[in-house]
Amino acid sequence: MRFRRPGSAQQDLFSQINHAQRIATKVTPLDKLAATVDFEFFRDSLLDILGYRDRVDKGGNAPFDPVFMLKLLVLQKFYNLSDEALAYEITNRFDFMRFLSIAPGDRTPDGNTVWDFREKLGPEGVRQLFQGLDDELAARGVVGKEGVSVDASFVDVPRQRNTRKENAAIKAGEIPDGWEDDDQANRLSQKDLDARWAKKNNETHYGYKNHIKADNETKLIRTWLVSGANEHDSRCLIDLLDENDQSLHADSAYRSKEIMGHLRQLKIKAHICQKGQKDKPLTSAQKRANRIKSKIRARVEHIFGAIAQMGGDRLRSIGIFRAVSQTGLTNLTTNLRRCSQLGVQIG
């Protein structure tokens, strides 16, 4: 009995062209993103952040186009790729090439170039790009109509095995004895002095927290902060809110006298779930009220679900500087992806 073998057909240039055209008919999430987001929107901000406007050409290799590099970082977050894997896949996958507007054989950056660009962009650069997008969405009336919700989620990093004494020194903001010795220099560069341990619902986490404020209607992130994993959610709430927020939905972890007073001062209507105590359980009316509040507050959980789907709940980097930058890029990518789902044109 004869069988058809997938690789038995003769391959020529026309076969490869037909193959590429057949793949192009399949609409992917990247195609939807490219159709709704014109990344040229970020060009002016990138030129300012990277200092390219004042750059004097001294010869040598010119840098890759900053808009192209930003699209690479978005692509990286979209599919949770390492720098080296990203450099390989953009030369291998047709949907990546369509998104980047390149063709087979075009010159593309390697993993080190991607790393250098992200380092130069830095946390503040990422925050400026995120804020520029949010300002555009707010000016067009896309966000800011139905109030906001806040919550936080763990962002885990590779766990490190230190002694109790070393962990105590790190927690106190000090470098453990011996880590700065000349023969231990490489060791120190691989140690994360900013990540922290935390335990919740019998699950142990090591790393950071992504605190977000999200628009209730569109599920778009309005602003964000990054802290150590041991930071209580409520401690970052005040920094997330502003006078433009009309109402706030949150779980019971954010309920305290200080927070309620701050909300009254900002004239923000509070929809924060109540929490029962051992000697004072919730009444039936309070339980019903919590269920009503939770139906809206739960929308922020959908955002964290989308982030986890992209692998954004884990990082490969070391230190708070890169954790802020990486998490900010994840939040920016999440918003761009959400804009494509809502059909909101950017740029």
C-alpha atoms as a PDB file:
ATOM      1  CA  MET A   1       0.000   0.000   0.000  1.00  0.00           C
ATOM      2  CA  ARG A   2       1.272   3.440  -0.937  1.00  0.00           C
ATOM      3  CA  PHE A   3       1.139   6.496   1.297  1.00  0.00           C
ATOM      4  CA  ARG A   4       1.486  10.159   0.581  1.00  0.00           C
ATOM      5  CA  ARG A   5       4.509  11.639   2.289  1.00  0.00           C
ATOM      6  CA  PRO A   6       4.360  15.322   3.311  1.00  0.00           C
ATOM      7  CA  GLY A   7       7.852  16.055   1.989  1.00  0.00           C
ATOM      8  CA  SER A   8       7.645  14.170  -1.277  1.00  0.00           C
ATOM      9  CA  ALA A   9       6.534  17.128  -3.433  1.00  0.00           C
ATOM     10  CA  GLN A  10       9.218  18.979  -5.333  1.00  0.00           C
ATOM     11  CA  GLN A  11       9.937  22.358  -3.740  1.00  0.00           C
ATOM     12  CA  ASP A  12      10.597  25.387  -5.905  1.00  0.00           C
ATOM     13  CA  LEU A  13      10.201  29.133  -5.604  1.00  0.00           C
ATOM     14  CA  PHE A  14       6.551  29.106  -6.689  1.00  0.00           C
ATOM     15  CA  SER A  15       5.719  26.396  -4.148  1.00  0.00           C
ATOM     16  CA  GLN A  16       7.210  28.509  -1.394  1.00  0.00           C
ATOM     17  CA  ILE A  17       5.266  31.567  -2.564  1.00  0.00           C
ATOM     18  CA  ASN A  18       2.018  29.582  -2.632  1.00  0.00           C
ATOM     19  CA  HIS A  19       2.785  28.263   0.831  1.00  0.00           C
ATOM     20  CA  ALA A  20       3.312  31.788   2.193  1.00  0.00           C
ATOM     21  CA  GLN A  21       0.100  33.014   0.541  1.00  0.00           C
ATOM     22  CA  ARG A  22      -1.895  30.104   1.954  1.00  0.00           C
ATOM     23  CA  ILE A  23      -0.630  30.875   5.462  1.00  0.00           C
ATOM     24  CA  ALA A  24      -1.424  34.581   5.002  1.00  0.00           C
ATOM     25  CA  THR A  25      -5.128  33.751   4.594  1.00  0.00           C
ATOM     26  CA  LYS A  26      -5.240  32.526   8.206  1.00  0.00           C
ATOM     27  CA  VAL A  27      -6.071  35.516  10.412  1.00  0.00           C
ATOM     28  CA  THR A  28      -4.148  35.384  13.683  1.00  0.00           C
ATOM     29  CA  PRO A  29      -4.356  37.564  16.822  1.00  0.00           C
ATOM     30  CA  LEU A  30      -1.212  39.295  15.550  1.00  0.00           C
ATOM     31  CA  ASP A  31      -2.976  40.227  12.325  1.00  0.00           C
ATOM     32  CA  LYS A  32      -5.857  41.708  14.345  1.00  0.00           C
ATOM     33  CA  LEU A  33      -3.374  43.649  16.453  1.00  0.00           C
ATOM     34  CA  ALA A  34      -1.595  45.007  13.381  1.00  0.00           C
ATOM     35  CA  ALA A  35      -4.939  46.014  11.836  1.00  0.00           C
ATOM     36  CA  THR A  36      -6.019  48.091  14.851  1.00  0.00           C
ATOM     37  CA  VAL A  37      -2.743  49.481  16.234  1.00  0.00           C
ATOM     38  CA  ASP A  38      -0.491  51.722  14.149  1.00  0.00           C
ATOM     39  CA  PHE A  39       2.766  51.592  16.103  1.00  0.00           C
ATOM     40  CA  GLU A  40       3.865  54.852  14.493  1.00  0.00           C
ATOM     41  CA  PHE A  41       1.777  56.381  17.281  1.00  0.00           C
ATOM     42  CA  PHE A  42       4.746  55.720  19.599  1.00  0.00           C
ATOM     43  CA  ARG A  43       7.500  57.093  17.337  1.00  0.00           C
ATOM     44  CA  ASP A  44       7.780  60.608  18.775  1.00  0.00           C
ATOM     45  CA  SER A  45       7.843  59.282  22.339  1.00  0.00           C
ATOM     46  CA  LEU A  46      10.490  56.701  21.451  1.00  0.00           C
ATOM     47  CA  LEU A  47      12.715  59.300  19.791  1.00  0.00           C
ATOM     48  CA  ASP A  48      12.567  61.459  22.912  1.00  0.00           C
ATOM     49  CA  ILE A  49      13.039  58.609  25.395  1.00  0.00           C
ATOM     50  CA  LEU A  50      15.998  57.106  23.538  1.00  0.00           C
ATOM     51  CA  GLY A  51      17.605  60.461  22.743  1.00  0.00           C
ATOM     52  CA  TYR A  52      17.654  59.803  18.998  1.00  0.00           C
ATOM     53  CA  ARG A  53      16.617  63.365  18.118  1.00  0.00           C
ATOM     54  CA  ASP A  54      19.959  64.687  19.395  1.00  0.00           C
ATOM     55  CA  ARG A  55      22.003  61.767  18.110  1.00  0.00           C
ATOM     56  CA  VAL A  56      25.006  62.678  15.964  1.00  0.00           C
ATOM     57  CA  ASP A  57      25.852  60.061  13.364  1.00  0.00           C
ATOM     58  CA  LYS A  58      29.472  59.083  13.971  1.00  0.00           C
ATOM     59  CA  GLY A  59      29.541  56.228  11.500  1.00  0.00           C
ATOM     60  CA  GLY A  60      29.319  52.528  12.204  1.00  0.00           C
ATOM     61  CA  ASN A  61      26.110  50.511  12.291  1.00  0.00           C
ATOM     62  CA  ALA A  62      22.990  52.618  12.659  1.00  0.00           C
ATOM     63  CA  PRO A  63      20.489  51.462  15.319  1.00  0.00           C
ATOM     64  CA  PHE A  64      17.413  49.548  14.245  1.00  0.00           C
ATOM     65  CA  ASP A  65      14.256  51.616  13.834  1.00  0.00           C
ATOM     66  CA  PRO A  66      12.804  52.213  17.340  1.00  0.00           C
ATOM     67  CA  VAL A  67       9.213  51.506  16.265  1.00  0.00           C
ATOM     68  CA  PHE A  68      10.347  48.177  14.797  1.00  0.00           C
ATOM     69  CA  MET A  69      12.161  47.365  18.055  1.00  0.00           C
ATOM     70  CA  LEU A  70       9.083  48.230  20.135  1.00  0.00           C
ATOM     71  CA  LYS A  71       7.026  45.874  17.987  1.00  0.00           C
ATOM     72  CA  LEU A  72       9.622  43.208  18.758  1.00  0.00           C
ATOM     73  CA  LEU A  73       9.171  43.729  22.508  1.00  0.00           C
ATOM     74  CA  VAL A  74       5.375  43.548  22.144  1.00  0.00           C
ATOM     75  CA  LEU A  75       5.759  40.374  20.106  1.00  0.00           C
ATOM     76  CA  GLN A  76       8.060  38.955  22.774  1.00  0.00           C
ATOM     77  CA  LYS A  77       5.490  39.572  25.512  1.00  0.00           C
ATOM     78  CA  PHE A  78       2.631  38.351  23.358  1.00  0.00           C
ATOM     79  CA  TYR A  79       4.233  34.903  23.057  1.00  0.00           C
ATOM     80  CA  ASN A  80       6.461  34.852  26.176  1.00  0.00           C
ATOM     81  CA  LEU A  81       9.731  34.412  24.278  1.00  0.00           C
ATOM     82  CA  SER A  82      13.301  34.812  25.469  1.00  0.00           C
ATOM     83  CA  ASP A  83      15.549  37.227  23.590  1.00  0.00           C
ATOM     84  CA  GLU A  84      17.263  34.429  21.677  1.00  0.00           C
ATOM     85  CA  ALA A  85      13.997  32.642  20.893  1.00  0.00           C
ATOM     86  CA  LEU A  86      12.521  35.900  19.620  1.00  0.00           C
ATOM     87  CA  ALA A  87      15.534  36.522  17.363  1.00  0.00           C
ATOM     88  CA  TYR A  88      15.069  33.045  15.880  1.00  0.00           C
ATOM     89  CA  GLU A  89      11.276  33.082  15.495  1.00  0.00           C
ATOM     90  CA  ILE A  90      11.140  36.385  13.601  1.00  0.00           C
ATOM     91  CA  THR A  91      13.166  34.701  10.857  1.00  0.00           C
ATOM     92  CA  ASN A  92      11.130  31.503  11.013  1.00  0.00           C
ATOM     93  CA  ARG A  93       7.436  32.346  11.350  1.00  0.00           C
ATOM     94  CA  PHE A  94       5.449  33.989   8.573  1.00  0.00           C
ATOM     95  CA  ASP A  95       2.919  35.582  10.953  1.00  0.00           C
ATOM     96  CA  PHE A  96       5.779  37.240  12.851  1.00  0.00           C
ATOM     97  CA  MET A  97       7.201  38.537   9.573  1.00  0.00           C
ATOM     98  CA  ARG A  98       3.830  39.953   8.517  1.00  0.00           C
ATOM     99  CA  PHE A  99       3.457  41.700  11.870  1.00  0.00           C
ATOM    100  CA  LEU A 100       6.944  43.219  11.582  1.00  0.00           C
ATOM    101  CA  SER A 101       6.589  43.990   7.845  1.00  0.00           C
ATOM    102  CA  ILE A 102       9.753  42.074   6.935  1.00  0.00           C
ATOM    103  CA  ALA A 103      10.524  39.360   4.400  1.00  0.00           C
ATOM    104  CA  PRO A 104      12.716  36.240   4.511  1.00  0.00           C
ATOM    105  CA  GLY A 105      16.339  37.260   4.229  1.00  0.00           C
ATOM    106  CA  ASP A 106      15.875  40.754   5.695  1.00  0.00           C
ATOM    107  CA  ARG A 107      18.392  41.858   8.268  1.00  0.00           C
ATOM    108  CA  THR A 108      17.038  41.384  11.800  1.00  0.00           C
ATOM    109  CA  PRO A 109      18.474  42.021  15.297  1.00  0.00           C
ATOM    110  CA  ASP A 110      19.958  39.272  17.438  1.00  0.00           C
ATOM    111  CA  GLY A 111      19.084  38.563  21.059  1.00  0.00           C
ATOM    112  CA  ASN A 112      21.731  40.915  22.436  1.00  0.00           C
ATOM    113  CA  THR A 113      20.359  43.809  20.399  1.00  0.00           C
ATOM    114  CA  VAL A 114      16.877  43.167  21.782  1.00  0.00           C
ATOM    115  CA  TRP A 115      18.299  43.122  25.320  1.00  0.00           C
ATOM    116  CA  ASP A 116      20.209  46.385  24.744  1.00  0.00           C
ATOM    117  CA  PHE A 117      17.115  48.162  23.410  1.00  0.00           C
ATOM    118  CA  ARG A 118      14.977  47.079  26.375  1.00  0.00           C
ATOM    119  CA  GLU A 119      17.682  48.191  28.814  1.00  0.00           C
ATOM    120  CA  LYS A 120      17.937  51.586  27.116  1.00  0.00           C
ATOM    121  CA  LEU A 121      14.178  51.996  27.154  1.00  0.00           C
ATOM    122  CA  GLY A 122      14.144  51.270  30.887  1.00  0.00           C
ATOM    123  CA  PRO A 123      11.256  51.427  33.378  1.00  0.00           C
ATOM    124  CA  GLU A 124      10.611  55.148  32.911  1.00  0.00           C
ATOM    125  CA  GLY A 125      10.577  54.823  29.147  1.00  0.00           C
ATOM    126  CA  VAL A 126       8.050  51.991  29.344  1.00  0.00           C
ATOM    127  CA  ARG A 127       5.926  54.042  31.727  1.00  0.00           C
ATOM    128  CA  GLN A 128       5.970  57.015  29.331  1.00  0.00           C
ATOM    129  CA  LEU A 129       4.806  54.814  26.453  1.00  0.00           C
ATOM    130  CA  PHE A 130       2.057  53.331  28.629  1.00  0.00           C
ATOM    131  CA  GLN A 131       0.946  56.762  29.819  1.00  0.00           C
ATOM    132  CA  GLY A 132       0.899  58.125  26.279  1.00  0.00           C
ATOM    133  CA  LEU A 133      -1.459  55.339  25.214  1.00  0.00           C
ATOM    134  CA  ASP A 134      -3.701  55.869  28.250  1.00  0.00           C
ATOM    135  CA  ASP A 135      -3.857  59.627  27.611  1.00  0.00           C
ATOM    136  CA  GLU A 136      -4.954  58.932  24.037  1.00  0.00           C
ATOM    137  CA  LEU A 137      -7.668  56.514  25.170  1.00  0.00           C
ATOM    138  CA  ALA A 138      -8.897  58.945  27.828  1.00  0.00           C
ATOM    139  CA  ALA A 139      -8.959  61.904  25.384  1.00  0.00           C
ATOM    140  CA  ARG A 140     -11.110  59.868  22.995  1.00  0.00           C
ATOM    141  CA  GLY A 141     -13.507  58.853  25.778  1.00  0.00           C
ATOM    142  CA  VAL A 142     -12.683  55.160  25.526  1.00  0.00           C
ATOM    143  CA  VAL A 143     -11.960  54.882  29.261  1.00  0.00           C
ATOM    144  CA  GLY A 144     -13.044  56.712  32.388  1.00  0.00           C
ATOM    145  CA  LYS A 145     -16.826  56.276  32.249  1.00  0.00           C
ATOM    146  CA  GLU A 146     -17.741  53.449  34.610  1.00  0.00           C
ATOM    147  CA  GLY A 147     -15.238  53.743  37.451  1.00  0.00           C
ATOM    148  CA  VAL A 148     -12.204  51.590  38.193  1.00  0.00           C
ATOM    149  CA  SER A 149     -11.184  48.407  39.996  1.00  0.00           C
ATOM    150  CA  VAL A 150      -7.873  47.634  41.662  1.00  0.00           C
ATOM    151  CA  ASP A 151      -6.081  44.412  42.466  1.00  0.00           C
ATOM    152  CA  ALA A 152      -2.617  42.860  42.506  1.00  0.00           C
ATOM    153  CA  SER A 153      -1.100  39.621  41.280  1.00  0.00           C
ATOM    154  CA  PHE A 154       2.181  37.843  41.938  1.00  0.00           C
ATOM    155  CA  VAL A 155       4.971  37.918  39.369  1.00  0.00           C
ATOM    156  CA  ASP A 156       7.305  35.044  40.198  1.00  0.00           C
ATOM    157  CA  VAL A 157      11.028  34.946  39.444  1.00  0.00           C
ATOM    158  CA  PRO A 158      13.444  31.977  39.748  1.00  0.00           C
ATOM    159  CA  ARG A 159      13.806  31.063  43.401  1.00  0.00           C
ATOM    160  CA  GLN A 160      17.142  31.518  45.084  1.00  0.00           C
ATOM    161  CA  ARG A 161      18.602  29.362  47.820  1.00  0.00           C
ATOM    162  CA  ASN A 162      20.153  31.534  50.487  1.00  0.00           C
ATOM    163  CA  THR A 163      20.877  30.861  54.132  1.00  0.00           C
ATOM    164  CA  ARG A 164      18.672  32.336  56.864  1.00  0.00           C
ATOM    165  CA  LYS A 165      21.430  34.789  57.716  1.00  0.00           C
ATOM    166  CA  GLU A 166      21.736  35.884  54.080  1.00  0.00           C
ATOM    167  CA  ASN A 167      17.971  36.300  53.739  1.00  0.00           C
ATOM    168  CA  ALA A 168      17.855  38.392  56.916  1.00  0.00           C
ATOM    169  CA  ALA A 169      20.547  40.710  55.527  1.00  0.00           C
ATOM    170  CA  ILE A 170      18.733  41.043  52.186  1.00  0.00           C
ATOM    171  CA  LYS A 171      15.445  41.831  53.933  1.00  0.00           C
ATOM    172  CA  ALA A 172      17.234  44.537  55.934  1.00  0.00           C
ATOM    173  CA  GLY A 173      18.457  46.116  52.698  1.00  0.00           C
ATOM    174  CA  GLU A 174      22.041  44.963  53.114  1.00  0.00           C
ATOM    175  CA  ILE A 175      24.374  42.813  51.007  1.00  0.00           C
ATOM    176  CA  PRO A 176      25.260  39.572  52.840  1.00  0.00           C
ATOM    177  CA  ASP A 177      28.814  39.153  54.065  1.00  0.00           C
ATOM    178  CA  GLY A 178      31.209  37.822  51.465  1.00  0.00           C
ATOM    179  CA  TRP A 179      29.010  38.527  48.430  1.00  0.00           C
ATOM    180  CA  GLU A 180      31.081  41.551  47.446  1.00  0.00           C
ATOM    181  CA  ASP A 181      34.402  39.703  47.575  1.00  0.00           C
ATOM    182  CA  ASP A 182      36.350  39.645  44.328  1.00  0.00           C
ATOM    183  CA  ASP A 183      35.992  35.881  43.975  1.00  0.00           C
ATOM    184  CA  GLN A 184      32.203  36.163  44.511  1.00  0.00           C
ATOM    185  CA  ALA A 185      31.549  38.939  41.971  1.00  0.00           C
ATOM    186  CA  ASN A 186      29.774  36.613  39.543  1.00  0.00           C
ATOM    187  CA  ARG A 187      27.624  35.240  42.333  1.00  0.00           C
ATOM    188  CA  LEU A 188      26.382  38.697  43.334  1.00  0.00           C
ATOM    189  CA  SER A 189      25.395  39.521  39.759  1.00  0.00           C
ATOM    190  CA  GLN A 190      23.078  36.488  39.775  1.00  0.00           C
ATOM    191  CA  LYS A 191      21.396  37.312  43.090  1.00  0.00           C
ATOM    192  CA  ASP A 192      18.106  39.192  43.209  1.00  0.00           C
ATOM    193  CA  LEU A 193      18.281  41.535  46.201  1.00  0.00           C
ATOM    194  CA  ASP A 194      14.850  43.057  45.531  1.00  0.00           C
ATOM    195  CA  ALA A 195      12.598  39.994  45.189  1.00  0.00           C
ATOM    196  CA  ARG A 196      10.685  38.909  48.292  1.00  0.00           C
ATOM    197  CA  TRP A 197       8.910  35.808  49.611  1.00  0.00           C
ATOM    198  CA  ALA A 198       5.158  35.723  50.226  1.00  0.00           C
ATOM    199  CA  LYS A 199       2.568  33.084  51.029  1.00  0.00           C
ATOM    200  CA  LYS A 200      -1.109  33.217  50.073  1.00  0.00           C
ATOM    201  CA  ASN A 201      -3.733  30.457  50.137  1.00  0.00           C
ATOM    202  CA  ASN A 202      -1.045  27.888  51.004  1.00  0.00           C
ATOM    203  CA  GLU A 203       0.931  28.870  47.893  1.00  0.00           C
ATOM    204  CA  THR A 204       4.456  30.235  48.242  1.00  0.00           C
ATOM    205  CA  HIS A 205       5.648  32.942  45.867  1.00  0.00           C
ATOM    206  CA  TYR A 206       9.033  34.560  45.336  1.00  0.00           C
ATOM    207  CA  GLY A 207       9.365  37.728  43.321  1.00  0.00           C
ATOM    208  CA  TYR A 208       7.193  40.784  42.863  1.00  0.00           C
ATOM    209  CA  LYS A 209       3.617  42.047  42.619  1.00  0.00           C
ATOM    210  CA  ASN A 210       1.904  43.762  39.716  1.00  0.00           C
ATOM    211  CA  HIS A 211      -0.585  46.287  41.155  1.00  0.00           C
ATOM    212  CA  ILE A 212      -3.055  47.606  38.570  1.00  0.00           C
ATOM    213  CA  LYS A 213      -5.989  49.976  38.322  1.00  0.00           C
ATOM    214  CA  ALA A 214      -8.350  48.938  35.529  1.00  0.00           C
ATOM    215  CA  ASP A 215     -11.271  50.574  33.750  1.00  0.00           C
ATOM    216  CA  ASN A 216     -14.462  48.692  34.670  1.00  0.00           C
ATOM    217  CA  GLU A 217     -16.140  49.047  31.275  1.00  0.00           C
ATOM    218  CA  THR A 218     -13.313  48.191  28.877  1.00  0.00           C
ATOM    219  CA  LYS A 219     -10.988  46.126  31.125  1.00  0.00           C
ATOM    220  CA  LEU A 220      -8.078  48.324  30.073  1.00  0.00           C
ATOM    221  CA  ILE A 221      -5.288  48.958  32.587  1.00  0.00           C
ATOM    222  CA  ARG A 222      -5.193  52.647  33.549  1.00  0.00           C
ATOM    223  CA  THR A 223      -2.052  52.640  35.704  1.00  0.00           C
ATOM    224  CA  TRP A 224       0.233  50.171  37.488  1.00  0.00           C
ATOM    225  CA  LEU A 225       2.932  49.756  40.113  1.00  0.00           C
ATOM    226  CA  VAL A 226       5.440  47.030  40.917  1.00  0.00           C
ATOM    227  CA  SER A 227       6.474  46.066  44.449  1.00  0.00           C
ATOM    228  CA  GLY A 228       8.051  43.159  46.274  1.00  0.00           C
ATOM    229  CA  ALA A 229       5.834  40.093  46.659  1.00  0.00           C
ATOM    230  CA  ASN A 230       5.493  40.705  50.405  1.00  0.00           C
ATOM    231  CA  GLU A 231       3.923  44.156  49.983  1.00  0.00           C
ATOM    232  CA  HIS A 232       0.285  44.251  51.105  1.00  0.00           C
ATOM    233  CA  ASP A 233      -2.091  45.126  48.273  1.00  0.00           C
ATOM    234  CA  SER A 234      -3.623  48.084  50.105  1.00  0.00           C
ATOM    235  CA  ARG A 235      -0.304  49.925  50.579  1.00  0.00           C
ATOM    236  CA  CYS A 236      -0.121  50.779  46.867  1.00  0.00           C
ATOM    237  CA  LEU A 237      -3.768  51.822  46.495  1.00  0.00           C
ATOM    238  CA  ILE A 238      -3.284  55.519  47.241  1.00  0.00           C
ATOM    239  CA  ASP A 239      -0.577  55.795  44.570  1.00  0.00           C
ATOM    240  CA  LEU A 240      -2.874  54.177  41.992  1.00  0.00           C
ATOM    241  CA  LEU A 241      -5.827  56.526  42.470  1.00  0.00           C
ATOM    242  CA  ASP A 242      -6.349  60.137  41.379  1.00  0.00           C
ATOM    243  CA  GLU A 243      -9.087  62.768  41.505  1.00  0.00           C
ATOM    244  CA  ASN A 244     -10.464  61.721  38.099  1.00  0.00           C
ATOM    245  CA  ASP A 245     -11.640  58.351  39.415  1.00  0.00           C
ATOM    246  CA  GLN A 246     -15.378  58.448  40.085  1.00  0.00           C
ATOM    247  CA  SER A 247     -15.842  55.123  41.848  1.00  0.00           C
ATOM    248  CA  LEU A 248     -13.697  52.244  43.069  1.00  0.00           C
ATOM    249  CA  HIS A 249     -14.406  48.513  43.247  1.00  0.00           C
ATOM    250  CA  ALA A 250     -12.043  46.347  45.280  1.00  0.00           C
ATOM    251  CA  ASP A 251     -11.955  43.262  47.472  1.00  0.00           C
ATOM    252  CA  SER A 252     -11.923  43.331  51.261  1.00  0.00           C
ATOM    253  CA  ALA A 253      -8.103  43.537  51.441  1.00  0.00           C
ATOM    254  CA  TYR A 254      -8.401  47.222  50.524  1.00  0.00           C
ATOM    255  CA  ARG A 255     -10.873  48.106  53.275  1.00  0.00           C
ATOM    256  CA  SER A 256      -9.461  50.169  56.142  1.00  0.00           C
ATOM    257  CA  LYS A 257     -10.240  53.439  57.927  1.00  0.00           C
ATOM    258  CA  GLU A 258      -7.275  55.139  56.262  1.00  0.00           C
ATOM    259  CA  ILE A 259      -8.318  54.092  52.772  1.00  0.00           C
ATOM    260  CA  MET A 260     -11.991  54.962  53.286  1.00  0.00           C
ATOM    261  CA  GLY A 261     -10.957  58.400  54.541  1.00  0.00           C
ATOM    262  CA  HIS A 262      -8.674  58.927  51.541  1.00  0.00           C
ATOM    263  CA  LEU A 263     -11.500  57.976  49.166  1.00  0.00           C
ATOM    264  CA  ARG A 264     -13.827  60.488  50.817  1.00  0.00           C
ATOM    265  CA  GLN A 265     -11.145  63.143  50.450  1.00  0.00           C
ATOM    266  CA  LEU A 266     -10.852  62.423  46.715  1.00  0.00           C
ATOM    267  CA  LYS A 267     -14.671  62.203  46.431  1.00  0.00           C
ATOM    268  CA  ILE A 268     -14.430  58.669  45.077  1.00  0.00           C
ATOM    269  CA  LYS A 269     -17.452  56.458  45.691  1.00  0.00           C
ATOM    270  CA  ALA A 270     -16.264  53.283  47.430  1.00  0.00           C
ATOM    271  CA  HIS A 271     -17.565  49.832  46.457  1.00  0.00           C
ATOM    272  CA  ILE A 272     -15.178  47.779  48.595  1.00  0.00           C
ATOM    273  CA  CYS A 273     -16.236  44.347  49.810  1.00  0.00           C
ATOM    274  CA  GLN A 274     -16.678  43.906  53.530  1.00  0.00           C
ATOM    275  CA  LYS A 275     -14.929  41.198  55.492  1.00  0.00           C
ATOM    276  CA  GLY A 276     -16.404  39.256  58.369  1.00  0.00           C
ATOM    277  CA  GLN A 277     -14.637  38.640  61.649  1.00  0.00           C
ATOM    278  CA  LYS A 278     -14.562  35.662  63.942  1.00  0.00           C
ATOM    279  CA  ASP A 279     -16.885  37.269  66.477  1.00  0.00           C
ATOM    280  CA  LYS A 280     -18.830  39.342  63.930  1.00  0.00           C
ATOM    281  CA  PRO A 281     -19.780  37.415  60.758  1.00  0.00           C
ATOM    282  CA  LEU A 282     -21.262  39.135  57.738  1.00  0.00           C
ATOM    283  CA  THR A 283     -24.991  39.620  57.664  1.00  0.00           C
ATOM    284  CA  SER A 284     -27.148  38.375  54.790  1.00  0.00           C
ATOM    285  CA  ALA A 285     -27.441  41.946  53.490  1.00  0.00           C
ATOM    286  CA  GLN A 286     -23.660  42.397  53.549  1.00  0.00           C
ATOM    287  CA  LYS A 287     -23.174  39.121  51.681  1.00  0.00           C
ATOM    288  CA  ARG A 288     -25.624  40.220  49.001  1.00  0.00           C
ATOM    289  CA  ALA A 289     -23.857  43.563  48.701  1.00  0.00           C
ATOM    290  CA  ASN A 290     -20.497  41.808  48.358  1.00  0.00           C
ATOM    291  CA  ARG A 291     -21.832  39.631  45.535  1.00  0.00           C
ATOM    292  CA  ILE A 292     -23.052  42.699  43.640  1.00  0.00           C
ATOM    293  CA  LYS A 293     -19.687  44.449  44.086  1.00  0.00           C
ATOM    294  CA  SER A 294     -17.752  41.312  43.128  1.00  0.00           C
ATOM    295  CA  LYS A 295     -19.546  40.981  39.792  1.00  0.00           C
ATOM    296  CA  ILE A 296     -17.867  44.207  38.687  1.00  0.00           C
ATOM    297  CA  ARG A 297     -14.619  43.801  40.631  1.00  0.00           C
ATOM    298  CA  ALA A 298     -14.091  40.372  39.050  1.00  0.00           C
ATOM    299  CA  ARG A 299     -13.397  42.050  35.704  1.00  0.00           C
ATOM    300  CA  VAL A 300      -9.908  42.924  36.926  1.00  0.00           C
ATOM    301  CA  GLU A 301      -9.311  39.198  37.431  1.00  0.00           C
ATOM    302  CA  HIS A 302      -9.945  38.704  33.719  1.00  0.00           C
ATOM    303  CA  ILE A 303      -7.004  41.006  33.038  1.00  0.00           C
ATOM    304  CA  PHE A 304      -4.688  38.959  35.229  1.00  0.00           C
ATOM    305  CA  GLY A 305      -5.964  35.838  33.470  1.00  0.00           C
ATOM    306  CA  ALA A 306      -4.960  37.333  30.113  1.00  0.00           C
ATOM    307  CA  ILE A 307      -1.555  38.279  31.542  1.00  0.00           C
ATOM    308  CA  ALA A 308      -1.018  34.745  32.859  1.00  0.00           C
ATOM    309  CA  GLN A 309      -2.057  33.352  29.468  1.00  0.00           C
ATOM    310  CA  MET A 310       0.810  35.317  27.901  1.00  0.00           C
ATOM    311  CA  GLY A 311       3.212  34.097  30.600  1.00  0.00           C
ATOM    312  CA  GLY A 312       3.376  37.530  32.201  1.00  0.00           C
ATOM    313  CA  ASP A 313       3.031  36.118  35.711  1.00  0.00           C
ATOM    314  CA  ARG A 314       6.667  34.953  35.558  1.00  0.00           C
ATOM    315  CA  LEU A 315       9.928  36.718  34.787  1.00  0.00           C
ATOM    316  CA  ARG A 316      13.427  35.602  33.848  1.00  0.00           C
ATOM    317  CA  SER A 317      15.070  38.878  34.890  1.00  0.00           C
ATOM    318  CA  ILE A 318      16.926  39.854  38.064  1.00  0.00           C
ATOM    319  CA  GLY A 319      16.256  42.978  40.152  1.00  0.00           C
ATOM    320  CA  ILE A 320      13.484  45.532  40.572  1.00  0.00           C
ATOM    321  CA  PHE A 321      14.758  47.725  37.698  1.00  0.00           C
ATOM    322  CA  ARG A 322      14.143  45.020  35.114  1.00  0.00           C
ATOM    323  CA  ALA A 323      11.051  43.705  36.905  1.00  0.00           C
ATOM    324  CA  VAL A 324       9.378  47.119  36.531  1.00  0.00           C
ATOM    325  CA  SER A 325      10.414  47.370  32.882  1.00  0.00           C
ATOM    326  CA  GLN A 326       9.297  43.833  32.011  1.00  0.00           C
ATOM    327  CA  THR A 327       6.008  44.083  33.910  1.00  0.00           C
ATOM    328  CA  GLY A 328       5.289  47.467  32.329  1.00  0.00           C
ATOM    329  CA  LEU A 329       5.815  45.972  28.870  1.00  0.00           C
ATOM    330  CA  THR A 330       3.446  43.142  29.796  1.00  0.00           C
ATOM    331  CA  ASN A 331       0.784  45.663  30.877  1.00  0.00           C
ATOM    332  CA  LEU A 332       1.305  47.718  27.705  1.00  0.00           C
ATOM    333  CA  THR A 333       0.983  44.602  25.534  1.00  0.00           C
ATOM    334  CA  THR A 334      -2.150  43.578  27.442  1.00  0.00           C
ATOM    335  CA  ASN A 335      -3.745  46.958  26.687  1.00  0.00           C
ATOM    336  CA  LEU A 336      -2.772  46.831  23.014  1.00  0.00           C
ATOM    337  CA  ARG A 337      -4.202  43.331  22.767  1.00  0.00           C
ATOM    338  CA  ARG A 338      -7.403  44.487  24.473  1.00  0.00           C
ATOM    339  CA  CYS A 339      -7.692  47.436  22.074  1.00  0.00           C
ATOM    340  CA  SER A 340      -7.576  45.009  19.155  1.00  0.00           C
ATOM    341  CA  GLN A 341     -10.332  42.917  20.774  1.00  0.00           C
ATOM    342  CA  LEU A 342     -12.486  46.005  21.294  1.00  0.00           C
ATOM    343  CA  GLY A 343     -11.770  47.256  17.774  1.00  0.00           C
ATOM    344  CA  VAL A 344     -10.288  50.516  19.089  1.00  0.00           C
ATOM    345  CA  GLN A 345      -8.041  52.061  16.444  1.00  0.00           C
ATOM    346  CA  ILE A 346      -4.757  53.468  17.721  1.00  0.00           C
ATOM    347  CA  GLY A 347      -2.717  55.880  15.660  1.00  0.00           C
END
